[in-house]
Each structure stands twice: as C-alpha cells, then as structure tokens.
Amino acid sequence: MPDRTLGGTLDGADWTVLLHPGERLLWQGRAIGAGRPDLPVRFWTMLGTILSLGSLLFLLIAFLGRSQPDFVVGFGGIGVVALVIGLTCRILPRRLQIARLRRCRYALTDRRMLVHDGSALRAWDITPDLDLTIHPEEPGSVIVDPPWLDNRPPKPQREAGFIGIAGAGRIAAMIRDIQSRQTDRTETGS
C-alpha cells in the first residue's frame, strides 16, 4: 500500500522527503518486537485478570449447585460470560498493540525524532530539555516523556517514541550526543 506522506511503501519509507534543509538522517528503523505493554494494555490486562478470576467463583457455585438446574444455568452462565470477557480483555489489547507497532517506522535525524504509525507522523525536536526513558533490553525502547503542565503529571497515555527497536541503548546514546552538542552550542553562544 503506498504511503503518500513518506513517498514510498510502508516497508521502504523515504524519509528524505520530510527532512528540513540541512538536516541529516542518522538512523531509520522499525519495531522488531512489541516492547513493553503500555498503560492502557496493562489496565485492560488487569481488568481481564480480575474478571477471569471472578468468573471462577461463579463457575464454582454453579458446580456446587449442580443438582439444581437454575443454579447451573444462572451462575454458570454468568461465569462463562465473565470468563470470555476477561480472556478477551487479557488477550486483545496486547494483540492490537503488536499490530499497531508493526505499522510503525522510525527515523532519527540530527534535529528530530520521527515516528510514522502508518497513518500519522509525529515528530519531536531534540532539545536539551527533551526527557527520555530508555528500556535497554532487546528489543528495547526509547520513550519520549510528555512534559508536565502546571506542576501536574501528564494524563495517562500511550507511550510515544521508538518502541520495540533493536539497539535502543545505541539510539539513546546518539540522542544524548545530539542533546549535549546543542547544550554546548547554547552555552558558548550566550
């Protein structure tokens, strides 16, 4: 499927069409794994676990009252429905996160971090005050931390940045190097 924003296909993205004059492309890649489950996935997994375990109580009551058909139908039906919903809540969000990350393409320039998720482009200027969280395991992630507004933490959201990439520590070191060069330029310019 052609991707008009990047001027190529999703597998062979042409990042050069998005570069500003004088900007250099340092690295490009894609997610090779799912990375860690983000906050929404963890929430749904927890809810699914609670529903699944709660359904066992209803199924146990239905089993103990098996001599009374109304018990089996009533409590067994509630137990089965809760179990199905619980397992769906545990499995589906993670699968959707993996599918979303398979569409993602990443690029690092000497000025910006670029993420294309198959439909939209997000970019973060690499400045000395850009906060990053690094998950160095393989595949790892370089997460852009959202800024606090008025001394309040940011609202829970999906993690953003380079998620599920190979060599996350090396990419983070490149970003830190760009940040330190910008800090040196700012200090010598003032």
N, C-alpha and C. Protein backbone atom coordinates (compact mmCIF):
# COMPACT_ATOMS: atom_id res chain seq x y z
N MET A 1 0.85 -1.18 0.00
CA MET A 1 0.00 0.00 0.00
C MET A 1 0.89 1.24 0.00
N PRO A 2 0.74 2.15 -0.93
CA PRO A 2 1.58 3.34 -0.97
C PRO A 2 1.28 4.28 0.18
N ASP A 3 2.32 4.93 0.64
CA ASP A 3 2.20 5.90 1.72
C ASP A 3 2.64 7.25 1.16
N ARG A 4 1.68 8.12 0.92
CA ARG A 4 1.98 9.40 0.27
C ARG A 4 2.81 10.32 1.14
N THR A 5 2.69 10.23 2.45
CA THR A 5 3.44 11.12 3.33
C THR A 5 4.93 10.88 3.22
N LEU A 6 5.32 9.62 3.15
CA LEU A 6 6.74 9.29 3.11
C LEU A 6 7.25 9.03 1.70
N GLY A 7 6.39 9.07 0.73
CA GLY A 7 6.83 8.91 -0.65
C GLY A 7 7.33 7.52 -0.97
N GLY A 8 6.73 6.51 -0.41
CA GLY A 8 7.14 5.15 -0.71
C GLY A 8 6.15 4.18 -0.10
N THR A 9 6.56 2.94 0.01
CA THR A 9 5.72 1.96 0.66
C THR A 9 6.03 1.96 2.14
N LEU A 10 5.21 1.29 2.91
CA LEU A 10 5.44 1.27 4.35
C LEU A 10 6.75 0.59 4.69
N ASP A 11 7.15 -0.41 3.90
CA ASP A 11 8.41 -1.11 4.19
C ASP A 11 9.63 -0.32 3.74
N GLY A 12 9.50 0.47 2.69
CA GLY A 12 10.63 1.23 2.18
C GLY A 12 10.37 2.71 2.26
N ALA A 13 10.22 3.24 3.45
CA ALA A 13 9.89 4.65 3.63
C ALA A 13 11.05 5.54 3.17
N ASP A 14 10.71 6.59 2.48
CA ASP A 14 11.69 7.57 2.02
C ASP A 14 11.60 8.79 2.95
N TRP A 15 12.42 8.80 3.98
CA TRP A 15 12.38 9.86 4.98
C TRP A 15 12.95 11.17 4.45
N THR A 16 13.69 11.12 3.36
CA THR A 16 14.34 12.32 2.86
C THR A 16 13.33 13.39 2.44
N VAL A 17 12.10 12.99 2.10
CA VAL A 17 11.10 13.98 1.70
C VAL A 17 10.62 14.81 2.89
N LEU A 18 10.88 14.35 4.11
CA LEU A 18 10.44 15.06 5.31
C LEU A 18 11.55 15.87 5.98
N LEU A 19 12.76 15.77 5.46
CA LEU A 19 13.88 16.46 6.09
C LEU A 19 13.85 17.95 5.77
N HIS A 20 14.22 18.75 6.77
CA HIS A 20 14.36 20.18 6.58
C HIS A 20 15.70 20.45 5.89
N PRO A 21 15.87 21.61 5.26
CA PRO A 21 17.15 21.91 4.62
C PRO A 21 18.30 21.83 5.64
N GLY A 22 19.33 21.11 5.27
CA GLY A 22 20.50 20.96 6.13
C GLY A 22 20.37 19.85 7.17
N GLU A 23 19.23 19.23 7.28
CA GLU A 23 19.02 18.16 8.26
C GLU A 23 19.53 16.84 7.68
N ARG A 24 20.18 16.05 8.53
CA ARG A 24 20.75 14.77 8.08
C ARG A 24 20.04 13.60 8.76
N LEU A 25 19.80 12.55 7.99
CA LEU A 25 19.20 11.33 8.52
C LEU A 25 20.32 10.48 9.12
N LEU A 26 20.21 10.17 10.42
CA LEU A 26 21.25 9.40 11.11
C LEU A 26 20.89 7.92 11.26
N TRP A 27 19.61 7.63 11.41
CA TRP A 27 19.17 6.25 11.63
C TRP A 27 17.72 6.12 11.21
N GLN A 28 17.37 4.97 10.68
CA GLN A 28 15.97 4.66 10.42
C GLN A 28 15.75 3.20 10.75
N GLY A 29 14.56 2.88 11.21
CA GLY A 29 14.26 1.51 11.60
C GLY A 29 12.78 1.32 11.80
N ARG A 30 12.47 0.16 12.35
CA ARG A 30 11.09 -0.19 12.62
C ARG A 30 11.04 -1.07 13.85
N ALA A 31 9.85 -1.25 14.38
CA ALA A 31 9.69 -2.09 15.55
C ALA A 31 9.94 -3.54 15.16
N ILE A 32 10.79 -4.22 15.93
CA ILE A 32 11.04 -5.64 15.67
C ILE A 32 10.37 -6.49 16.73
N GLY A 33 9.78 -5.85 17.71
CA GLY A 33 9.08 -6.56 18.77
C GLY A 33 7.99 -5.68 19.35
N ALA A 34 7.27 -6.21 20.30
CA ALA A 34 6.14 -5.48 20.86
C ALA A 34 6.54 -4.49 21.94
N GLY A 35 7.76 -4.59 22.44
CA GLY A 35 8.13 -3.71 23.54
C GLY A 35 7.33 -4.06 24.78
N ARG A 36 7.41 -3.22 25.77
CA ARG A 36 6.65 -3.45 27.00
C ARG A 36 5.20 -3.06 26.80
N PRO A 37 4.29 -3.71 27.51
CA PRO A 37 2.89 -3.27 27.43
C PRO A 37 2.76 -1.86 27.99
N ASP A 38 2.06 -0.99 27.26
CA ASP A 38 1.88 0.38 27.75
C ASP A 38 0.72 0.43 28.74
N LEU A 39 0.45 1.61 29.28
CA LEU A 39 -0.53 1.77 30.35
C LEU A 39 -1.92 1.25 29.99
N PRO A 40 -2.49 1.59 28.83
CA PRO A 40 -3.81 1.05 28.51
C PRO A 40 -3.82 -0.48 28.43
N VAL A 41 -2.78 -1.06 27.87
CA VAL A 41 -2.71 -2.52 27.77
C VAL A 41 -2.62 -3.13 29.17
N ARG A 42 -1.83 -2.54 30.04
CA ARG A 42 -1.72 -3.06 31.41
C ARG A 42 -3.05 -2.95 32.14
N PHE A 43 -3.79 -1.85 31.94
CA PHE A 43 -5.10 -1.69 32.57
C PHE A 43 -6.06 -2.79 32.12
N TRP A 44 -6.17 -2.99 30.80
CA TRP A 44 -7.09 -4.00 30.30
C TRP A 44 -6.68 -5.40 30.71
N THR A 45 -5.38 -5.65 30.78
CA THR A 45 -4.91 -6.95 31.24
C THR A 45 -5.29 -7.19 32.69
N MET A 46 -5.15 -6.16 33.53
CA MET A 46 -5.53 -6.28 34.92
C MET A 46 -7.04 -6.51 35.05
N LEU A 47 -7.84 -5.76 34.30
CA LEU A 47 -9.29 -5.93 34.34
C LEU A 47 -9.67 -7.34 33.87
N GLY A 48 -9.02 -7.82 32.82
CA GLY A 48 -9.29 -9.17 32.33
C GLY A 48 -8.94 -10.23 33.35
N THR A 49 -7.85 -10.02 34.07
CA THR A 49 -7.46 -10.98 35.11
C THR A 49 -8.50 -11.01 36.22
N ILE A 50 -8.97 -9.84 36.64
CA ILE A 50 -9.98 -9.77 37.70
C ILE A 50 -11.27 -10.46 37.24
N LEU A 51 -11.71 -10.18 36.02
CA LEU A 51 -12.93 -10.82 35.52
C LEU A 51 -12.76 -12.33 35.38
N SER A 52 -11.62 -12.77 34.89
CA SER A 52 -11.38 -14.20 34.72
C SER A 52 -11.38 -14.92 36.07
N LEU A 53 -10.69 -14.35 37.04
CA LEU A 53 -10.66 -14.97 38.36
C LEU A 53 -12.03 -14.90 39.03
N GLY A 54 -12.74 -13.79 38.87
CA GLY A 54 -14.08 -13.67 39.42
C GLY A 54 -15.04 -14.67 38.81
N SER A 55 -14.86 -14.97 37.53
CA SER A 55 -15.73 -15.94 36.88
C SER A 55 -15.59 -17.33 37.49
N LEU A 56 -14.41 -17.63 38.01
CA LEU A 56 -14.20 -18.94 38.63
C LEU A 56 -15.08 -19.12 39.85
N LEU A 57 -15.35 -18.04 40.58
CA LEU A 57 -16.24 -18.11 41.73
C LEU A 57 -17.66 -18.50 41.28
N PHE A 58 -18.15 -17.87 40.22
CA PHE A 58 -19.48 -18.21 39.71
C PHE A 58 -19.53 -19.64 39.18
N LEU A 59 -18.47 -20.07 38.51
CA LEU A 59 -18.43 -21.44 38.00
C LEU A 59 -18.38 -22.46 39.14
N LEU A 60 -17.67 -22.12 40.22
CA LEU A 60 -17.62 -22.99 41.38
C LEU A 60 -19.00 -23.11 42.03
N ILE A 61 -19.70 -22.00 42.17
CA ILE A 61 -21.05 -22.02 42.75
C ILE A 61 -21.98 -22.85 41.86
N ALA A 62 -21.85 -22.70 40.53
CA ALA A 62 -22.67 -23.49 39.61
C ALA A 62 -22.35 -24.97 39.75
N PHE A 63 -21.08 -25.31 39.91
CA PHE A 63 -20.68 -26.71 40.07
C PHE A 63 -21.22 -27.29 41.38
N LEU A 64 -21.12 -26.50 42.47
CA LEU A 64 -21.60 -26.99 43.76
C LEU A 64 -23.12 -27.14 43.78
N GLY A 65 -23.83 -26.34 43.03
CA GLY A 65 -25.29 -26.42 42.99
C GLY A 65 -25.79 -27.17 41.78
N ARG A 66 -25.00 -28.11 41.28
CA ARG A 66 -25.35 -28.80 40.04
C ARG A 66 -26.64 -29.62 40.14
N SER A 67 -27.12 -29.90 41.36
CA SER A 67 -28.37 -30.64 41.49
C SER A 67 -29.58 -29.74 41.20
N GLN A 68 -29.36 -28.45 41.20
CA GLN A 68 -30.45 -27.51 40.90
C GLN A 68 -30.15 -26.83 39.56
N PRO A 69 -30.94 -27.15 38.54
CA PRO A 69 -30.66 -26.63 37.20
C PRO A 69 -30.63 -25.10 37.12
N ASP A 70 -31.45 -24.42 37.93
CA ASP A 70 -31.44 -22.95 37.89
C ASP A 70 -30.09 -22.39 38.35
N PHE A 71 -29.46 -23.04 39.33
CA PHE A 71 -28.14 -22.64 39.80
C PHE A 71 -27.11 -22.78 38.69
N VAL A 72 -27.16 -23.92 38.02
CA VAL A 72 -26.18 -24.19 36.96
C VAL A 72 -26.34 -23.17 35.83
N VAL A 73 -27.56 -22.93 35.41
CA VAL A 73 -27.80 -22.00 34.31
C VAL A 73 -27.46 -20.57 34.72
N GLY A 74 -27.95 -20.15 35.89
CA GLY A 74 -27.74 -18.77 36.33
C GLY A 74 -26.29 -18.46 36.61
N PHE A 75 -25.70 -19.17 37.58
CA PHE A 75 -24.32 -18.89 37.96
C PHE A 75 -23.32 -19.36 36.89
N GLY A 76 -23.61 -20.49 36.26
CA GLY A 76 -22.73 -20.97 35.20
C GLY A 76 -22.70 -20.03 34.01
N GLY A 77 -23.88 -19.50 33.64
CA GLY A 77 -23.94 -18.55 32.52
C GLY A 77 -23.17 -17.28 32.81
N ILE A 78 -23.36 -16.73 34.02
CA ILE A 78 -22.61 -15.53 34.40
C ILE A 78 -21.11 -15.82 34.41
N GLY A 79 -20.74 -16.99 34.92
CA GLY A 79 -19.32 -17.37 34.97
C GLY A 79 -18.70 -17.49 33.59
N VAL A 80 -19.42 -18.12 32.68
CA VAL A 80 -18.89 -18.30 31.32
C VAL A 80 -18.76 -16.95 30.61
N VAL A 81 -19.78 -16.09 30.74
CA VAL A 81 -19.72 -14.77 30.10
C VAL A 81 -18.56 -13.95 30.68
N ALA A 82 -18.41 -13.95 32.00
CA ALA A 82 -17.31 -13.21 32.63
C ALA A 82 -15.95 -13.77 32.21
N LEU A 83 -15.86 -15.08 32.07
CA LEU A 83 -14.60 -15.70 31.64
C LEU A 83 -14.25 -15.30 30.22
N VAL A 84 -15.22 -15.32 29.32
CA VAL A 84 -14.97 -14.95 27.92
C VAL A 84 -14.56 -13.47 27.83
N ILE A 85 -15.29 -12.60 28.53
CA ILE A 85 -14.94 -11.17 28.51
C ILE A 85 -13.57 -10.95 29.13
N GLY A 86 -13.28 -11.63 30.24
CA GLY A 86 -11.99 -11.49 30.90
C GLY A 86 -10.83 -11.93 30.02
N LEU A 87 -10.98 -13.07 29.35
CA LEU A 87 -9.91 -13.54 28.47
C LEU A 87 -9.74 -12.62 27.27
N THR A 88 -10.84 -12.07 26.77
CA THR A 88 -10.76 -11.11 25.66
C THR A 88 -10.01 -9.85 26.11
N CYS A 89 -10.31 -9.37 27.32
CA CYS A 89 -9.62 -8.18 27.85
C CYS A 89 -8.14 -8.45 28.07
N ARG A 90 -7.78 -9.68 28.37
CA ARG A 90 -6.37 -10.02 28.60
C ARG A 90 -5.60 -10.15 27.28
N ILE A 91 -6.24 -10.67 26.26
CA ILE A 91 -5.52 -11.01 25.02
C ILE A 91 -5.59 -9.91 23.96
N LEU A 92 -6.76 -9.36 23.71
CA LEU A 92 -6.97 -8.45 22.57
C LEU A 92 -6.14 -7.16 22.63
N PRO A 93 -6.07 -6.43 23.76
CA PRO A 93 -5.30 -5.18 23.75
C PRO A 93 -3.82 -5.38 23.40
N ARG A 94 -3.22 -6.44 23.89
CA ARG A 94 -1.81 -6.70 23.57
C ARG A 94 -1.64 -7.00 22.09
N ARG A 95 -2.57 -7.77 21.53
CA ARG A 95 -2.51 -8.08 20.09
C ARG A 95 -2.67 -6.81 19.26
N LEU A 96 -3.56 -5.92 19.70
CA LEU A 96 -3.73 -4.65 18.98
C LEU A 96 -2.49 -3.78 19.09
N GLN A 97 -1.82 -3.80 20.25
CA GLN A 97 -0.58 -3.04 20.40
C GLN A 97 0.49 -3.59 19.46
N ILE A 98 0.59 -4.89 19.36
CA ILE A 98 1.58 -5.51 18.47
C ILE A 98 1.27 -5.14 17.02
N ALA A 99 0.01 -5.19 16.63
CA ALA A 99 -0.37 -4.83 15.25
C ALA A 99 -0.06 -3.36 14.97
N ARG A 100 -0.31 -2.49 15.94
CA ARG A 100 -0.01 -1.06 15.77
C ARG A 100 1.49 -0.85 15.59
N LEU A 101 2.30 -1.54 16.38
CA LEU A 101 3.75 -1.36 16.28
C LEU A 101 4.32 -1.93 14.99
N ARG A 102 3.69 -2.94 14.42
CA ARG A 102 4.16 -3.48 13.14
C ARG A 102 4.07 -2.45 12.02
N ARG A 103 3.14 -1.52 12.14
CA ARG A 103 2.99 -0.47 11.12
C ARG A 103 3.95 0.69 11.32
N CYS A 104 4.56 0.79 12.48
CA CYS A 104 5.40 1.95 12.82
C CYS A 104 6.75 1.91 12.11
N ARG A 105 7.19 3.08 11.68
CA ARG A 105 8.52 3.28 11.12
C ARG A 105 9.13 4.46 11.86
N TYR A 106 10.44 4.37 12.11
CA TYR A 106 11.12 5.38 12.91
C TYR A 106 12.31 5.95 12.15
N ALA A 107 12.61 7.21 12.46
CA ALA A 107 13.80 7.85 11.89
C ALA A 107 14.36 8.82 12.92
N LEU A 108 15.68 8.91 12.93
CA LEU A 108 16.39 9.86 13.79
C LEU A 108 17.24 10.74 12.89
N THR A 109 17.06 12.04 13.03
CA THR A 109 17.89 12.98 12.29
C THR A 109 18.77 13.71 13.30
N ASP A 110 19.59 14.60 12.81
CA ASP A 110 20.43 15.37 13.72
C ASP A 110 19.65 16.46 14.45
N ARG A 111 18.33 16.54 14.20
CA ARG A 111 17.49 17.55 14.88
C ARG A 111 16.20 16.99 15.48
N ARG A 112 15.69 15.86 14.93
CA ARG A 112 14.36 15.38 15.34
C ARG A 112 14.29 13.87 15.44
N MET A 113 13.30 13.43 16.22
CA MET A 113 12.87 12.03 16.25
C MET A 113 11.57 11.98 15.46
N LEU A 114 11.47 11.08 14.49
CA LEU A 114 10.28 10.98 13.65
C LEU A 114 9.66 9.59 13.81
N VAL A 115 8.35 9.54 14.00
CA VAL A 115 7.62 8.28 14.11
C VAL A 115 6.44 8.35 13.16
N HIS A 116 6.34 7.36 12.29
CA HIS A 116 5.20 7.25 11.38
C HIS A 116 4.50 5.94 11.70
N ASP A 117 3.22 6.02 12.08
CA ASP A 117 2.48 4.83 12.50
C ASP A 117 1.62 4.23 11.41
N GLY A 118 1.84 4.60 10.18
CA GLY A 118 1.05 4.09 9.08
C GLY A 118 -0.01 5.06 8.63
N SER A 119 -0.39 6.00 9.50
CA SER A 119 -1.41 6.98 9.11
C SER A 119 -1.02 8.40 9.50
N ALA A 120 -0.26 8.57 10.56
CA ALA A 120 0.10 9.91 11.02
C ALA A 120 1.59 9.97 11.34
N LEU A 121 2.13 11.16 11.23
CA LEU A 121 3.55 11.39 11.52
C LEU A 121 3.64 12.20 12.81
N ARG A 122 4.50 11.76 13.72
CA ARG A 122 4.78 12.53 14.93
C ARG A 122 6.27 12.85 14.93
N ALA A 123 6.59 14.04 15.37
CA ALA A 123 7.99 14.48 15.39
C ALA A 123 8.26 15.20 16.70
N TRP A 124 9.45 14.95 17.26
CA TRP A 124 9.90 15.64 18.45
C TRP A 124 11.25 16.27 18.14
N ASP A 125 11.35 17.57 18.38
CA ASP A 125 12.64 18.24 18.23
C ASP A 125 13.56 17.76 19.35
N ILE A 126 14.78 17.45 19.00
CA ILE A 126 15.75 17.01 20.01
C ILE A 126 16.37 18.26 20.61
N THR A 127 15.94 18.59 21.78
CA THR A 127 16.42 19.76 22.52
C THR A 127 17.04 19.26 23.82
N PRO A 128 17.84 20.09 24.48
CA PRO A 128 18.44 19.67 25.74
C PRO A 128 17.41 19.31 26.82
N ASP A 129 16.21 19.86 26.74
CA ASP A 129 15.21 19.55 27.77
C ASP A 129 14.26 18.42 27.37
N LEU A 130 14.51 17.72 26.26
CA LEU A 130 13.71 16.58 25.88
C LEU A 130 14.01 15.43 26.83
N ASP A 131 12.99 14.98 27.57
CA ASP A 131 13.16 13.89 28.53
C ASP A 131 12.92 12.56 27.84
N LEU A 132 13.80 11.61 28.11
CA LEU A 132 13.69 10.28 27.52
C LEU A 132 13.71 9.23 28.62
N THR A 133 13.01 8.15 28.38
CA THR A 133 13.11 6.95 29.21
C THR A 133 13.61 5.85 28.30
N ILE A 134 14.66 5.16 28.73
CA ILE A 134 15.27 4.13 27.91
C ILE A 134 15.01 2.78 28.54
N HIS A 135 14.50 1.85 27.73
CA HIS A 135 14.36 0.45 28.11
C HIS A 135 15.40 -0.30 27.28
N PRO A 136 16.57 -0.62 27.84
CA PRO A 136 17.68 -1.12 27.03
C PRO A 136 17.61 -2.60 26.63
N GLU A 137 16.63 -3.37 27.13
CA GLU A 137 16.58 -4.79 26.77
C GLU A 137 16.32 -4.94 25.28
N GLU A 138 16.48 -6.15 24.77
CA GLU A 138 16.27 -6.39 23.33
C GLU A 138 14.94 -7.08 23.11
N PRO A 139 14.03 -6.61 22.31
CA PRO A 139 14.05 -5.28 21.74
C PRO A 139 13.73 -4.25 22.81
N GLY A 140 14.35 -3.12 22.70
CA GLY A 140 14.20 -2.06 23.69
C GLY A 140 13.38 -0.90 23.16
N SER A 141 13.32 0.14 23.96
CA SER A 141 12.53 1.31 23.57
C SER A 141 13.21 2.58 24.05
N VAL A 142 13.02 3.64 23.30
CA VAL A 142 13.42 4.99 23.70
C VAL A 142 12.13 5.79 23.72
N ILE A 143 11.63 6.05 24.93
CA ILE A 143 10.32 6.66 25.12
C ILE A 143 10.49 8.15 25.36
N VAL A 144 9.68 8.97 24.69
CA VAL A 144 9.65 10.41 24.91
C VAL A 144 8.67 10.67 26.04
N ASP A 145 9.15 11.26 27.12
CA ASP A 145 8.29 11.57 28.26
C ASP A 145 7.55 12.87 28.00
N PRO A 146 6.23 12.87 28.14
CA PRO A 146 5.49 14.11 27.91
C PRO A 146 5.79 15.13 29.00
N PRO A 147 5.79 16.41 28.67
CA PRO A 147 6.12 17.44 29.68
C PRO A 147 4.99 17.61 30.69
N TRP A 148 5.36 18.01 31.89
CA TRP A 148 4.37 18.32 32.92
C TRP A 148 3.82 19.70 32.66
N LEU A 149 2.55 19.87 32.91
CA LEU A 149 1.90 21.16 32.74
C LEU A 149 1.45 21.68 34.10
N ASP A 150 1.88 22.87 34.47
CA ASP A 150 1.48 23.49 35.73
C ASP A 150 1.73 22.58 36.93
N ASN A 151 2.89 21.97 36.98
CA ASN A 151 3.29 21.08 38.08
C ASN A 151 2.34 19.89 38.28
N ARG A 152 1.65 19.50 37.23
CA ARG A 152 0.79 18.31 37.29
C ARG A 152 1.36 17.27 36.35
N PRO A 153 1.32 16.01 36.76
CA PRO A 153 1.82 14.99 35.84
C PRO A 153 0.93 14.88 34.61
N PRO A 154 1.49 14.39 33.50
CA PRO A 154 0.69 14.26 32.29
C PRO A 154 -0.40 13.21 32.47
N LYS A 155 -1.45 13.33 31.70
CA LYS A 155 -2.52 12.33 31.73
C LYS A 155 -1.97 11.01 31.21
N PRO A 156 -2.47 9.89 31.73
CA PRO A 156 -2.00 8.60 31.20
C PRO A 156 -2.26 8.51 29.71
N GLN A 157 -1.29 8.05 29.00
CA GLN A 157 -1.41 7.94 27.56
C GLN A 157 -0.54 6.80 27.07
N ARG A 158 -0.63 6.55 25.81
CA ARG A 158 0.23 5.53 25.21
C ARG A 158 1.66 6.06 25.17
N GLU A 159 2.58 5.13 25.29
CA GLU A 159 3.98 5.53 25.20
C GLU A 159 4.27 5.97 23.77
N ALA A 160 5.13 6.96 23.64
CA ALA A 160 5.47 7.50 22.34
C ALA A 160 6.99 7.53 22.20
N GLY A 161 7.46 7.30 21.01
CA GLY A 161 8.88 7.28 20.75
C GLY A 161 9.23 6.08 19.89
N PHE A 162 10.46 5.60 20.05
CA PHE A 162 10.92 4.43 19.31
C PHE A 162 10.68 3.21 20.19
N ILE A 163 9.66 2.43 19.89
CA ILE A 163 9.25 1.31 20.74
C ILE A 163 9.57 -0.01 20.04
N GLY A 164 10.17 -0.92 20.79
CA GLY A 164 10.44 -2.26 20.28
C GLY A 164 11.53 -2.30 19.22
N ILE A 165 12.60 -1.53 19.40
CA ILE A 165 13.66 -1.45 18.39
C ILE A 165 14.89 -2.22 18.84
N ALA A 166 15.71 -2.60 17.89
CA ALA A 166 17.00 -3.22 18.18
C ALA A 166 18.00 -2.11 18.49
N GLY A 167 18.85 -2.32 19.46
CA GLY A 167 19.89 -1.35 19.78
C GLY A 167 19.36 -0.07 20.39
N ALA A 168 18.40 -0.17 21.29
CA ALA A 168 17.80 1.03 21.89
C ALA A 168 18.85 1.84 22.66
N GLY A 169 19.78 1.17 23.32
CA GLY A 169 20.83 1.89 24.06
C GLY A 169 21.70 2.72 23.13
N ARG A 170 22.02 2.18 21.97
CA ARG A 170 22.85 2.90 20.99
C ARG A 170 22.10 4.11 20.43
N ILE A 171 20.79 3.94 20.15
CA ILE A 171 20.00 5.06 19.64
C ILE A 171 19.86 6.14 20.71
N ALA A 172 19.65 5.73 21.95
CA ALA A 172 19.55 6.70 23.06
C ALA A 172 20.86 7.46 23.22
N ALA A 173 21.99 6.76 23.05
CA ALA A 173 23.29 7.43 23.14
C ALA A 173 23.44 8.47 22.02
N MET A 174 22.95 8.16 20.83
CA MET A 174 23.01 9.12 19.73
C MET A 174 22.17 10.36 20.06
N ILE A 175 20.99 10.16 20.65
CA ILE A 175 20.13 11.30 21.01
C ILE A 175 20.79 12.12 22.10
N ARG A 176 21.37 11.47 23.09
CA ARG A 176 22.07 12.19 24.18
C ARG A 176 23.25 12.99 23.62
N ASP A 177 23.93 12.43 22.63
CA ASP A 177 25.05 13.14 22.00
C ASP A 177 24.54 14.40 21.28
N ILE A 178 23.42 14.29 20.58
CA ILE A 178 22.83 15.46 19.92
C ILE A 178 22.44 16.50 20.96
N GLN A 179 21.85 16.06 22.07
CA GLN A 179 21.45 16.98 23.13
C GLN A 179 22.66 17.68 23.74
N SER A 180 23.74 16.93 23.96
CA SER A 180 24.93 17.55 24.57
C SER A 180 25.58 18.55 23.62
N ARG A 181 25.57 18.27 22.32
CA ARG A 181 26.11 19.23 21.35
C ARG A 181 25.28 20.49 21.33
N GLN A 182 23.96 20.37 21.47
CA GLN A 182 23.10 21.55 21.49
C GLN A 182 23.31 22.34 22.78
N THR A 183 23.54 21.65 23.90
CA THR A 183 23.83 22.33 25.16
C THR A 183 25.13 23.10 25.05
N ASP A 184 26.15 22.48 24.44
CA ASP A 184 27.44 23.16 24.26
C ASP A 184 27.29 24.40 23.39
N ARG A 185 26.46 24.29 22.31
CA ARG A 185 26.24 25.45 21.43
C ARG A 185 25.54 26.57 22.19
N THR A 186 24.56 26.20 23.02
CA THR A 186 23.81 27.21 23.78
C THR A 186 24.71 27.90 24.80
N GLU A 187 25.57 27.13 25.48
CA GLU A 187 26.45 27.71 26.50
C GLU A 187 27.51 28.60 25.89
N THR A 188 28.06 28.22 24.74
CA THR A 188 29.09 29.05 24.11
C THR A 188 28.49 30.26 23.41
N GLY A 189 27.21 30.15 23.02
CA GLY A 189 26.57 31.27 22.31
C GLY A 189 26.10 32.37 23.28
N SER A 190 25.99 32.09 24.57
CA SER A 190 25.48 33.10 25.49
C SER A 190 26.55 33.82 26.24
